[in-house]
Each structure stands twice: as C-alpha cells, then as structure tokens.
Amino acid sequence: MKEKTKFVAFSTQKGGAGKTTLTVLAASYLHYVKGFNVAVIDCDYPQHSIVEMRERDLKLALEDEHYKRLAYEQFTRLQKKAYPVVESNTKEALADADYLLPQGDFDYVFFDLPGTINNEDLIHSLAGMDYLVAPISADRVVMESTLNYAVVVKEHIMGREKSRMKGLYMLWNMVDGREKTELYQVYEAVMKELGLPVLKTFLPDTKRFRREQNASRRSVFRSTLFPADRSLIRGSNLDKLVDELIELLK
C-alpha cells in the first residue's frame, strides 16, 4: 500500500456530463501508459456502468482473437494486471477502498459517484476524496447546476474538519470547435470570482469519447482493459489532461 494513495473523483450533479467516461479514460491512461497503479470503485448504483463495461471488455478479450492477442501482448509487455474495478455504493465506497488498499501498491483510486448531493452517504464519500474534478460545459443549465454543486462542495465539504479534500478543479468538457469562445471567458471570470480553479486543459466535443471496445472496431478509445488508441488520442487532449492531473494531484 502506498503511503499517499490519492482518492479522486470526476463529480458533478448533471447526468450526461461524461464523468464515467472521464473516469475510465483517465484510469486506463494512467495505469497502462503512464505506469501508475490504479483502482476504480464504481459507486454509481444501480447503473454500475464501469462494472458493466469491464464485463463487456473481458468477454470481448476472451472471445475475439484480435483483442485476445492485444491483451496478451499488452499484459506481457507491462508485466502488470488490469486495474481492479470494484462494485460498490456511496455508503460502502470508502470502506471498500480501505479494504482494497493493502492488496496493491495504488497511486490513485478513482471513484465513480452518483450526482445527488442531498444524500448523506454521498456527502460522506465526497469528504473522503483528496481531489474532485467537476466537468462543465458552456450550457447555461449545466453551468448553473455544476457551479451550485461546486460551491456547496467547496463551502460545506472541503471546509469540514473531517474532510480530506485538498482540491476541487473545474474541467471544460465537450468544448465545441477548436477554440474556446468569449462565452467561456465570461464563465471563467465567474468561476474565478467564486474561487473555483479551472484546469488549463479542455476536452473537445468529439464522438470518440463514446467509442468503446467492440468486435467490429479495431481502434479502442474507451476501455477498462486498454488505453485509448494513440491514433485517437491526437486532438482529444486526453494526454494533456492526464499530464496536468499528474502535476496537480500530488
């Protein structure tokens, strides 16, 4: 067990903000490309999207010759197993993480959390995170909801005596076009006013973020067994995001 395993969550109130996808992309890139040891606790009951994704990924890796070979080559080269994905809920999340930690030398444990903040178990789980990253998009409804969420977390959870949270960062996600527009600058000024730091890296709105490992497609983007394919990373900013997170989440 690492002395300083970081507990991290991509967290927001809005569904469809891409937090589950971001969790998988970051975890896989850190574990399979960057050489860190990672675990994922899937607390998003009852969907458990990451647990289900791992089951689909494994099935394909066992049944499809291409992925079977890919998995064999990767795990032989890396000399490490796939990262654990633990099915949990907000009540058991931190206890499940504590149970998992002695079993591996983990650098990061990612938690996929549900969005409803009026839940005592979720508040307890959030207070147990070292870092939160809140994905935002330049849509007024999403923006207002996420800012409210972030302010509540900052004022009522981060400031708690028993909270271990060291940082809360906003992440521009689903950015339309190559560049951010004036609208983004207006929103960034608001976030600065609220004392909410924004990550330098932004993620473009691109279909590849929804591209899963499957039998008909050979290049993978979103998978729990493989990192995003290099050809698909270009222009996605995933590599830049992970590098920025490594620097910040210390």
C-alpha atoms as a PDB file:
ATOM      1  CA  MET A   1       0.000   0.000   0.000  1.00  0.00           C
ATOM      2  CA  LYS A   2       1.338   3.435  -0.962  1.00  0.00           C
ATOM      3  CA  GLU A   3       1.709   5.922   1.854  1.00  0.00           C
ATOM      4  CA  LYS A   4      -0.149   8.556  -0.155  1.00  0.00           C
ATOM      5  CA  THR A   5      -2.708   6.885  -2.377  1.00  0.00           C
ATOM      6  CA  LYS A   6      -4.862   9.655  -3.889  1.00  0.00           C
ATOM      7  CA  PHE A   7      -8.651   9.316  -3.852  1.00  0.00           C
ATOM      8  CA  VAL A   8     -10.024  11.119  -6.917  1.00  0.00           C
ATOM      9  CA  ALA A   9     -13.486  11.595  -8.424  1.00  0.00           C
ATOM     10  CA  PHE A  10     -14.849  13.261 -11.537  1.00  0.00           C
ATOM     11  CA  SER A  11     -18.015  14.534  -9.958  1.00  0.00           C
ATOM     12  CA  THR A  12     -20.992  16.693 -10.894  1.00  0.00           C
ATOM     13  CA  GLN A  13     -24.734  16.851 -10.363  1.00  0.00           C
ATOM     14  CA  LYS A  14     -25.636  16.615 -14.037  1.00  0.00           C
ATOM     15  CA  GLY A  15     -26.107  13.293 -15.789  1.00  0.00           C
ATOM     16  CA  GLY A  16     -24.563  13.149 -19.259  1.00  0.00           C
ATOM     17  CA  ALA A  17     -21.611  15.308 -18.175  1.00  0.00           C
ATOM     18  CA  GLY A  18     -19.228  12.488 -19.080  1.00  0.00           C
ATOM     19  CA  LYS A  19     -17.891  11.708 -15.604  1.00  0.00           C
ATOM     20  CA  THR A  20     -17.984   7.915 -16.077  1.00  0.00           C
ATOM     21  CA  THR A  21     -16.210   8.166 -19.447  1.00  0.00           C
ATOM     22  CA  LEU A  22     -13.587  10.511 -17.975  1.00  0.00           C
ATOM     23  CA  THR A  23     -13.027   8.127 -15.060  1.00  0.00           C
ATOM     24  CA  VAL A  24     -12.313   5.205 -17.422  1.00  0.00           C
ATOM     25  CA  LEU A  25     -10.166   7.237 -19.837  1.00  0.00           C
ATOM     26  CA  ALA A  26      -8.013   8.722 -17.058  1.00  0.00           C
ATOM     27  CA  ALA A  27      -7.704   5.441 -15.118  1.00  0.00           C
ATOM     28  CA  SER A  28      -6.709   3.421 -18.217  1.00  0.00           C
ATOM     29  CA  TYR A  29      -4.220   6.021 -19.454  1.00  0.00           C
ATOM     30  CA  LEU A  30      -2.562   6.348 -16.035  1.00  0.00           C
ATOM     31  CA  HIS A  31      -2.436   2.573 -15.477  1.00  0.00           C
ATOM     32  CA  TYR A  32      -1.487   1.271 -18.936  1.00  0.00           C
ATOM     33  CA  VAL A  33       0.512   4.183 -20.410  1.00  0.00           C
ATOM     34  CA  LYS A  34       1.925   6.260 -17.561  1.00  0.00           C
ATOM     35  CA  GLY A  35       2.991   3.366 -15.337  1.00  0.00           C
ATOM     36  CA  PHE A  36       0.898   4.242 -12.287  1.00  0.00           C
ATOM     37  CA  ASN A  37      -1.134   1.712 -10.320  1.00  0.00           C
ATOM     38  CA  VAL A  38      -4.826   2.475 -10.346  1.00  0.00           C
ATOM     39  CA  ALA A  39      -8.104   1.085  -8.985  1.00  0.00           C
ATOM     40  CA  VAL A  40     -11.700   2.107  -9.684  1.00  0.00           C
ATOM     41  CA  ILE A  41     -14.577   1.986  -7.190  1.00  0.00           C
ATOM     42  CA  ASP A  42     -17.883   2.094  -9.071  1.00  0.00           C
ATOM     43  CA  CYS A  43     -20.426   3.572  -6.625  1.00  0.00           C
ATOM     44  CA  ASP A  44     -22.945   4.686  -9.233  1.00  0.00           C
ATOM     45  CA  TYR A  45     -25.776   2.416  -8.089  1.00  0.00           C
ATOM     46  CA  PRO A  46     -27.823   0.962  -9.773  1.00  0.00           C
ATOM     47  CA  GLN A  47     -26.219   1.597 -13.216  1.00  0.00           C
ATOM     48  CA  HIS A  48     -22.691   0.478 -12.281  1.00  0.00           C
ATOM     49  CA  SER A  49     -21.617   1.456 -15.809  1.00  0.00           C
ATOM     50  CA  ILE A  50     -17.904   0.805 -15.239  1.00  0.00           C
ATOM     51  CA  VAL A  51     -18.503  -2.652 -13.743  1.00  0.00           C
ATOM     52  CA  GLU A  52     -20.630  -3.485 -16.797  1.00  0.00           C
ATOM     53  CA  MET A  53     -18.015  -2.048 -19.152  1.00  0.00           C
ATOM     54  CA  ARG A  54     -15.332  -4.246 -17.552  1.00  0.00           C
ATOM     55  CA  GLU A  55     -17.566  -7.318 -18.050  1.00  0.00           C
ATOM     56  CA  ARG A  56     -18.068  -6.444 -21.745  1.00  0.00           C
ATOM     57  CA  ASP A  57     -14.343  -5.731 -22.193  1.00  0.00           C
ATOM     58  CA  LEU A  58     -13.366  -9.069 -20.629  1.00  0.00           C
ATOM     59  CA  LYS A  59     -15.895 -11.008 -22.686  1.00  0.00           C
ATOM     60  CA  LEU A  60     -14.538  -9.469 -25.882  1.00  0.00           C
ATOM     61  CA  ALA A  61     -10.911 -10.036 -24.857  1.00  0.00           C
ATOM     62  CA  LEU A  62     -11.683 -13.720 -24.252  1.00  0.00           C
ATOM     63  CA  GLU A  63     -13.785 -14.306 -27.371  1.00  0.00           C
ATOM     64  CA  ASP A  64     -12.317 -12.050 -30.071  1.00  0.00           C
ATOM     65  CA  GLU A  65      -8.940 -13.158 -31.484  1.00  0.00           C
ATOM     66  CA  HIS A  66      -7.765  -9.597 -32.170  1.00  0.00           C
ATOM     67  CA  TYR A  67      -8.409  -8.383 -28.612  1.00  0.00           C
ATOM     68  CA  LYS A  68      -7.149 -11.650 -27.138  1.00  0.00           C
ATOM     69  CA  ARG A  69      -3.790 -11.101 -28.871  1.00  0.00           C
ATOM     70  CA  LEU A  70      -3.776  -7.404 -27.940  1.00  0.00           C
ATOM     71  CA  ALA A  71      -4.410  -8.234 -24.272  1.00  0.00           C
ATOM     72  CA  TYR A  72      -1.719 -10.924 -24.213  1.00  0.00           C
ATOM     73  CA  GLU A  73       0.868  -8.592 -25.804  1.00  0.00           C
ATOM     74  CA  GLN A  74      -0.020  -5.698 -23.512  1.00  0.00           C
ATOM     75  CA  PHE A  75      -0.008  -7.581 -20.221  1.00  0.00           C
ATOM     76  CA  THR A  76       3.189  -9.455 -21.144  1.00  0.00           C
ATOM     77  CA  ARG A  77       4.902  -6.169 -22.004  1.00  0.00           C
ATOM     78  CA  LEU A  78       3.680  -4.258 -18.948  1.00  0.00           C
ATOM     79  CA  GLN A  79       4.064  -7.147 -16.505  1.00  0.00           C
ATOM     80  CA  LYS A  80       1.011  -5.910 -14.653  1.00  0.00           C
ATOM     81  CA  LYS A  81      -2.649  -6.916 -14.457  1.00  0.00           C
ATOM     82  CA  ALA A  82      -5.721  -4.931 -15.418  1.00  0.00           C
ATOM     83  CA  TYR A  83      -6.694  -2.490 -12.687  1.00  0.00           C
ATOM     84  CA  PRO A  84      -9.409  -3.668 -10.272  1.00  0.00           C
ATOM     85  CA  VAL A  85     -12.974  -2.386 -10.754  1.00  0.00           C
ATOM     86  CA  VAL A  86     -14.955  -2.778  -7.530  1.00  0.00           C
ATOM     87  CA  GLU A  87     -18.756  -2.707  -7.433  1.00  0.00           C
ATOM     88  CA  SER A  88     -19.843  -0.528  -4.523  1.00  0.00           C
ATOM     89  CA  ASN A  89     -22.228   2.241  -3.421  1.00  0.00           C
ATOM     90  CA  THR A  90     -21.839   5.580  -1.652  1.00  0.00           C
ATOM     91  CA  LYS A  91     -22.354   4.015   1.774  1.00  0.00           C
ATOM     92  CA  GLU A  92     -19.614   1.377   1.349  1.00  0.00           C
ATOM     93  CA  ALA A  93     -17.255   3.232  -1.032  1.00  0.00           C
ATOM     94  CA  LEU A  94     -14.602   4.357   1.451  1.00  0.00           C
ATOM     95  CA  ALA A  95     -14.694   1.062   3.374  1.00  0.00           C
ATOM     96  CA  ASP A  96     -14.289  -0.838   0.077  1.00  0.00           C
ATOM     97  CA  ALA A  97     -11.308   1.365  -0.808  1.00  0.00           C
ATOM     98  CA  ASP A  98      -9.710   0.757   2.607  1.00  0.00           C
ATOM     99  CA  TYR A  99     -10.176  -2.995   2.117  1.00  0.00           C
ATOM    100  CA  LEU A 100      -8.599  -2.788  -1.355  1.00  0.00           C
ATOM    101  CA  LEU A 101      -5.543  -0.658  -0.484  1.00  0.00           C
ATOM    102  CA  PRO A 102      -3.428  -3.319   1.287  1.00  0.00           C
ATOM    103  CA  GLN A 103      -3.870  -5.587  -1.767  1.00  0.00           C
ATOM    104  CA  GLY A 104      -1.872  -3.363  -4.112  1.00  0.00           C
ATOM    105  CA  ASP A 105       0.584  -0.504  -4.406  1.00  0.00           C
ATOM    106  CA  PHE A 106      -2.014   2.004  -5.618  1.00  0.00           C
ATOM    107  CA  ASP A 107      -1.154   5.551  -6.678  1.00  0.00           C
ATOM    108  CA  TYR A 108      -4.730   6.561  -7.484  1.00  0.00           C
ATOM    109  CA  VAL A 109      -8.170   5.229  -6.624  1.00  0.00           C
ATOM    110  CA  PHE A 110     -10.923   6.707  -8.804  1.00  0.00           C
ATOM    111  CA  PHE A 111     -14.499   6.790  -7.535  1.00  0.00           C
ATOM    112  CA  ASP A 112     -17.435   6.945  -9.942  1.00  0.00           C
ATOM    113  CA  LEU A 113     -20.046   8.701  -7.803  1.00  0.00           C
ATOM    114  CA  PRO A 114     -23.737   9.474  -8.412  1.00  0.00           C
ATOM    115  CA  GLY A 115     -24.760  13.131  -8.685  1.00  0.00           C
ATOM    116  CA  THR A 116     -27.382  13.682  -5.981  1.00  0.00           C
ATOM    117  CA  ILE A 117     -25.811  15.756  -3.236  1.00  0.00           C
ATOM    118  CA  ASN A 118     -28.804  15.629  -0.851  1.00  0.00           C
ATOM    119  CA  ASN A 119     -27.650  12.195   0.239  1.00  0.00           C
ATOM    120  CA  GLU A 120     -25.718  11.815   3.500  1.00  0.00           C
ATOM    121  CA  ASP A 121     -23.727   8.814   2.203  1.00  0.00           C
ATOM    122  CA  LEU A 122     -22.579  10.749  -0.880  1.00  0.00           C
ATOM    123  CA  ILE A 123     -21.544  13.727   1.265  1.00  0.00           C
ATOM    124  CA  HIS A 124     -19.520  11.332   3.450  1.00  0.00           C
ATOM    125  CA  SER A 125     -17.872   9.824   0.326  1.00  0.00           C
ATOM    126  CA  LEU A 126     -17.091  13.276  -1.125  1.00  0.00           C
ATOM    127  CA  ALA A 127     -15.458  14.310   2.161  1.00  0.00           C
ATOM    128  CA  GLY A 128     -13.216  11.236   1.796  1.00  0.00           C
ATOM    129  CA  MET A 129     -11.833  12.337  -1.597  1.00  0.00           C
ATOM    130  CA  ASP A 130      -8.447  14.052  -1.930  1.00  0.00           C
ATOM    131  CA  TYR A 131      -9.421  15.704  -5.198  1.00  0.00           C
ATOM    132  CA  LEU A 132     -12.595  16.386  -7.146  1.00  0.00           C
ATOM    133  CA  VAL A 133     -12.721  17.312 -10.814  1.00  0.00           C
ATOM    134  CA  ALA A 134     -16.065  18.740 -11.951  1.00  0.00           C
ATOM    135  CA  PRO A 135     -16.686  18.545 -15.727  1.00  0.00           C
ATOM    136  CA  ILE A 136     -18.550  21.590 -17.081  1.00  0.00           C
ATOM    137  CA  SER A 137     -19.888  22.602 -20.469  1.00  0.00           C
ATOM    138  CA  ALA A 138     -20.944  26.017 -21.770  1.00  0.00           C
ATOM    139  CA  ASP A 139     -24.639  25.302 -21.453  1.00  0.00           C
ATOM    140  CA  ARG A 140     -26.485  27.601 -19.035  1.00  0.00           C
ATOM    141  CA  VAL A 141     -28.420  24.825 -17.263  1.00  0.00           C
ATOM    142  CA  VAL A 142     -25.361  22.567 -16.925  1.00  0.00           C
ATOM    143  CA  MET A 143     -23.247  25.525 -15.865  1.00  0.00           C
ATOM    144  CA  GLU A 144     -25.626  26.733 -13.147  1.00  0.00           C
ATOM    145  CA  SER A 145     -26.136  23.234 -11.785  1.00  0.00           C
ATOM    146  CA  THR A 146     -22.396  22.461 -11.723  1.00  0.00           C
ATOM    147  CA  LEU A 147     -21.425  25.809 -10.200  1.00  0.00           C
ATOM    148  CA  ASN A 148     -24.036  25.375  -7.450  1.00  0.00           C
ATOM    149  CA  TYR A 149     -22.708  21.867  -6.826  1.00  0.00           C
ATOM    150  CA  ALA A 150     -19.072  23.045  -6.739  1.00  0.00           C
ATOM    151  CA  VAL A 151     -19.851  25.931  -4.371  1.00  0.00           C
ATOM    152  CA  VAL A 152     -21.726  23.595  -1.979  1.00  0.00           C
ATOM    153  CA  VAL A 153     -18.811  21.128  -2.048  1.00  0.00           C
ATOM    154  CA  LYS A 154     -16.251  23.911  -1.521  1.00  0.00           C
ATOM    155  CA  GLU A 155     -18.108  25.615   1.325  1.00  0.00           C
ATOM    156  CA  HIS A 156     -19.713  22.697   3.141  1.00  0.00           C
ATOM    157  CA  ILE A 157     -17.482  19.693   2.440  1.00  0.00           C
ATOM    158  CA  MET A 158     -13.965  20.967   1.729  1.00  0.00           C
ATOM    159  CA  GLY A 159     -14.073  23.188   4.803  1.00  0.00           C
ATOM    160  CA  ARG A 160     -15.199  20.393   7.129  1.00  0.00           C
ATOM    161  CA  GLU A 161     -12.804  19.407   9.868  1.00  0.00           C
ATOM    162  CA  LYS A 162     -13.064  15.728   8.942  1.00  0.00           C
ATOM    163  CA  SER A 163     -12.746  16.295   5.183  1.00  0.00           C
ATOM    164  CA  ARG A 164      -9.527  15.143   3.486  1.00  0.00           C
ATOM    165  CA  MET A 165     -10.272  17.148   0.323  1.00  0.00           C
ATOM    166  CA  LYS A 166      -7.294  19.195  -0.859  1.00  0.00           C
ATOM    167  CA  GLY A 167      -8.529  20.431  -4.212  1.00  0.00           C
ATOM    168  CA  LEU A 168     -11.587  20.960  -6.398  1.00  0.00           C
ATOM    169  CA  TYR A 169     -10.991  21.721 -10.075  1.00  0.00           C
ATOM    170  CA  MET A 170     -13.352  22.610 -12.908  1.00  0.00           C
ATOM    171  CA  LEU A 171     -12.774  20.936 -16.293  1.00  0.00           C
ATOM    172  CA  TRP A 172     -14.161  22.249 -19.578  1.00  0.00           C
ATOM    173  CA  ASN A 173     -15.677  19.249 -21.327  1.00  0.00           C
ATOM    174  CA  MET A 174     -17.498  18.901 -24.664  1.00  0.00           C
ATOM    175  CA  VAL A 175     -15.999  22.153 -25.964  1.00  0.00           C
ATOM    176  CA  ASP A 176     -17.384  22.967 -29.402  1.00  0.00           C
ATOM    177  CA  GLY A 177     -14.799  23.711 -32.075  1.00  0.00           C
ATOM    178  CA  ARG A 178     -11.041  24.035 -31.760  1.00  0.00           C
ATOM    179  CA  GLU A 179     -11.007  27.162 -29.601  1.00  0.00           C
ATOM    180  CA  LYS A 180     -12.912  28.394 -26.595  1.00  0.00           C
ATOM    181  CA  THR A 181     -15.133  31.424 -27.309  1.00  0.00           C
ATOM    182  CA  GLU A 182     -15.852  34.647 -25.367  1.00  0.00           C
ATOM    183  CA  LEU A 183     -18.642  32.843 -23.541  1.00  0.00           C
ATOM    184  CA  TYR A 184     -16.014  30.660 -21.880  1.00  0.00           C
ATOM    185  CA  GLN A 185     -14.094  33.736 -20.717  1.00  0.00           C
ATOM    186  CA  VAL A 186     -17.260  35.133 -19.123  1.00  0.00           C
ATOM    187  CA  TYR A 187     -17.869  31.847 -17.287  1.00  0.00           C
ATOM    188  CA  GLU A 188     -14.212  31.624 -16.255  1.00  0.00           C
ATOM    189  CA  ALA A 189     -14.441  35.107 -14.719  1.00  0.00           C
ATOM    190  CA  VAL A 190     -17.468  33.918 -12.705  1.00  0.00           C
ATOM    191  CA  MET A 191     -15.574  30.820 -11.527  1.00  0.00           C
ATOM    192  CA  LYS A 192     -12.579  32.941 -10.541  1.00  0.00           C
ATOM    193  CA  GLU A 193     -14.931  35.140  -8.502  1.00  0.00           C
ATOM    194  CA  LEU A 194     -16.255  32.013  -6.769  1.00  0.00           C
ATOM    195  CA  GLY A 195     -12.732  30.774  -6.045  1.00  0.00           C
ATOM    196  CA  LEU A 196     -13.081  27.727  -8.322  1.00  0.00           C
ATOM    197  CA  PRO A 197      -9.858  26.937 -10.234  1.00  0.00           C
ATOM    198  CA  VAL A 198     -10.235  25.809 -13.863  1.00  0.00           C
ATOM    199  CA  LEU A 199      -7.883  23.252 -15.437  1.00  0.00           C
ATOM    200  CA  LYS A 200      -5.814  24.583 -18.350  1.00  0.00           C
ATOM    201  CA  THR A 201      -6.682  21.557 -20.494  1.00  0.00           C
ATOM    202  CA  PHE A 202     -10.109  21.419 -22.108  1.00  0.00           C
ATOM    203  CA  LEU A 203     -11.721  18.444 -23.842  1.00  0.00           C
ATOM    204  CA  PRO A 204     -13.334  18.909 -27.255  1.00  0.00           C
ATOM    205  CA  ASP A 205     -16.793  17.644 -28.114  1.00  0.00           C
ATOM    206  CA  THR A 206     -15.966  14.559 -30.144  1.00  0.00           C
ATOM    207  CA  LYS A 207     -17.689  11.252 -30.854  1.00  0.00           C
ATOM    208  CA  ARG A 208     -14.525   9.313 -29.995  1.00  0.00           C
ATOM    209  CA  PHE A 209     -15.278   9.763 -26.261  1.00  0.00           C
ATOM    210  CA  ARG A 210     -18.167   7.354 -26.775  1.00  0.00           C
ATOM    211  CA  ARG A 211     -16.115   4.836 -28.752  1.00  0.00           C
ATOM    212  CA  GLU A 212     -15.948   1.554 -26.859  1.00  0.00           C
ATOM    213  CA  GLN A 213     -14.031  -1.619 -27.488  1.00  0.00           C
ATOM    214  CA  ASN A 214     -16.178  -3.820 -29.756  1.00  0.00           C
ATOM    215  CA  ALA A 215     -15.801  -6.682 -32.216  1.00  0.00           C
ATOM    216  CA  SER A 216     -16.189  -4.570 -35.376  1.00  0.00           C
ATOM    217  CA  ARG A 217     -13.832  -1.725 -34.427  1.00  0.00           C
ATOM    218  CA  ARG A 218     -10.131  -2.294 -34.088  1.00  0.00           C
ATOM    219  CA  SER A 219      -9.056   1.023 -32.534  1.00  0.00           C
ATOM    220  CA  VAL A 220     -10.185   1.448 -28.937  1.00  0.00           C
ATOM    221  CA  PHE A 221     -10.796   4.713 -27.125  1.00  0.00           C
ATOM    222  CA  ARG A 222     -12.883   3.908 -24.050  1.00  0.00           C
ATOM    223  CA  SER A 223     -11.915   0.631 -22.385  1.00  0.00           C
ATOM    224  CA  THR A 224     -11.062  -0.682 -18.914  1.00  0.00           C
ATOM    225  CA  LEU A 225      -8.519  -3.159 -20.340  1.00  0.00           C
ATOM    226  CA  PHE A 226      -6.651  -0.982 -22.838  1.00  0.00           C
ATOM    227  CA  PRO A 227      -5.550   2.649 -23.007  1.00  0.00           C
ATOM    228  CA  ALA A 228      -7.070   4.907 -25.657  1.00  0.00           C
ATOM    229  CA  ASP A 229      -5.559   4.150 -29.072  1.00  0.00           C
ATOM    230  CA  ARG A 230      -2.726   6.551 -29.947  1.00  0.00           C
ATOM    231  CA  SER A 231      -4.303   7.496 -33.276  1.00  0.00           C
ATOM    232  CA  LEU A 232      -7.492   8.535 -31.457  1.00  0.00           C
ATOM    233  CA  ILE A 233      -5.729  10.468 -28.684  1.00  0.00           C
ATOM    234  CA  ARG A 234      -4.486  13.023 -31.200  1.00  0.00           C
ATOM    235  CA  GLY A 235      -6.746  16.061 -30.873  1.00  0.00           C
ATOM    236  CA  SER A 236      -8.645  14.633 -27.889  1.00  0.00           C
ATOM    237  CA  ASN A 237      -6.432  16.391 -25.276  1.00  0.00           C
ATOM    238  CA  LEU A 238      -6.648  13.251 -23.104  1.00  0.00           C
ATOM    239  CA  ASP A 239      -2.845  13.027 -22.852  1.00  0.00           C
ATOM    240  CA  LYS A 240      -2.605  16.715 -21.868  1.00  0.00           C
ATOM    241  CA  LEU A 241      -5.365  16.299 -19.277  1.00  0.00           C
ATOM    242  CA  VAL A 242      -3.641  13.313 -17.651  1.00  0.00           C
ATOM    243  CA  ASP A 243      -0.284  15.146 -17.588  1.00  0.00           C
ATOM    244  CA  GLU A 244      -1.943  18.150 -15.926  1.00  0.00           C
ATOM    245  CA  LEU A 245      -3.663  15.906 -13.369  1.00  0.00           C
ATOM    246  CA  ILE A 246      -0.376  14.150 -12.514  1.00  0.00           C
ATOM    247  CA  GLU A 247       1.142  17.572 -11.769  1.00  0.00           C
ATOM    248  CA  LEU A 248      -1.804  18.771  -9.670  1.00  0.00           C
ATOM    249  CA  LEU A 249      -2.831  15.665  -7.763  1.00  0.00           C
ATOM    250  CA  LYS A 250       0.220  15.400  -5.549  1.00  0.00           C
END
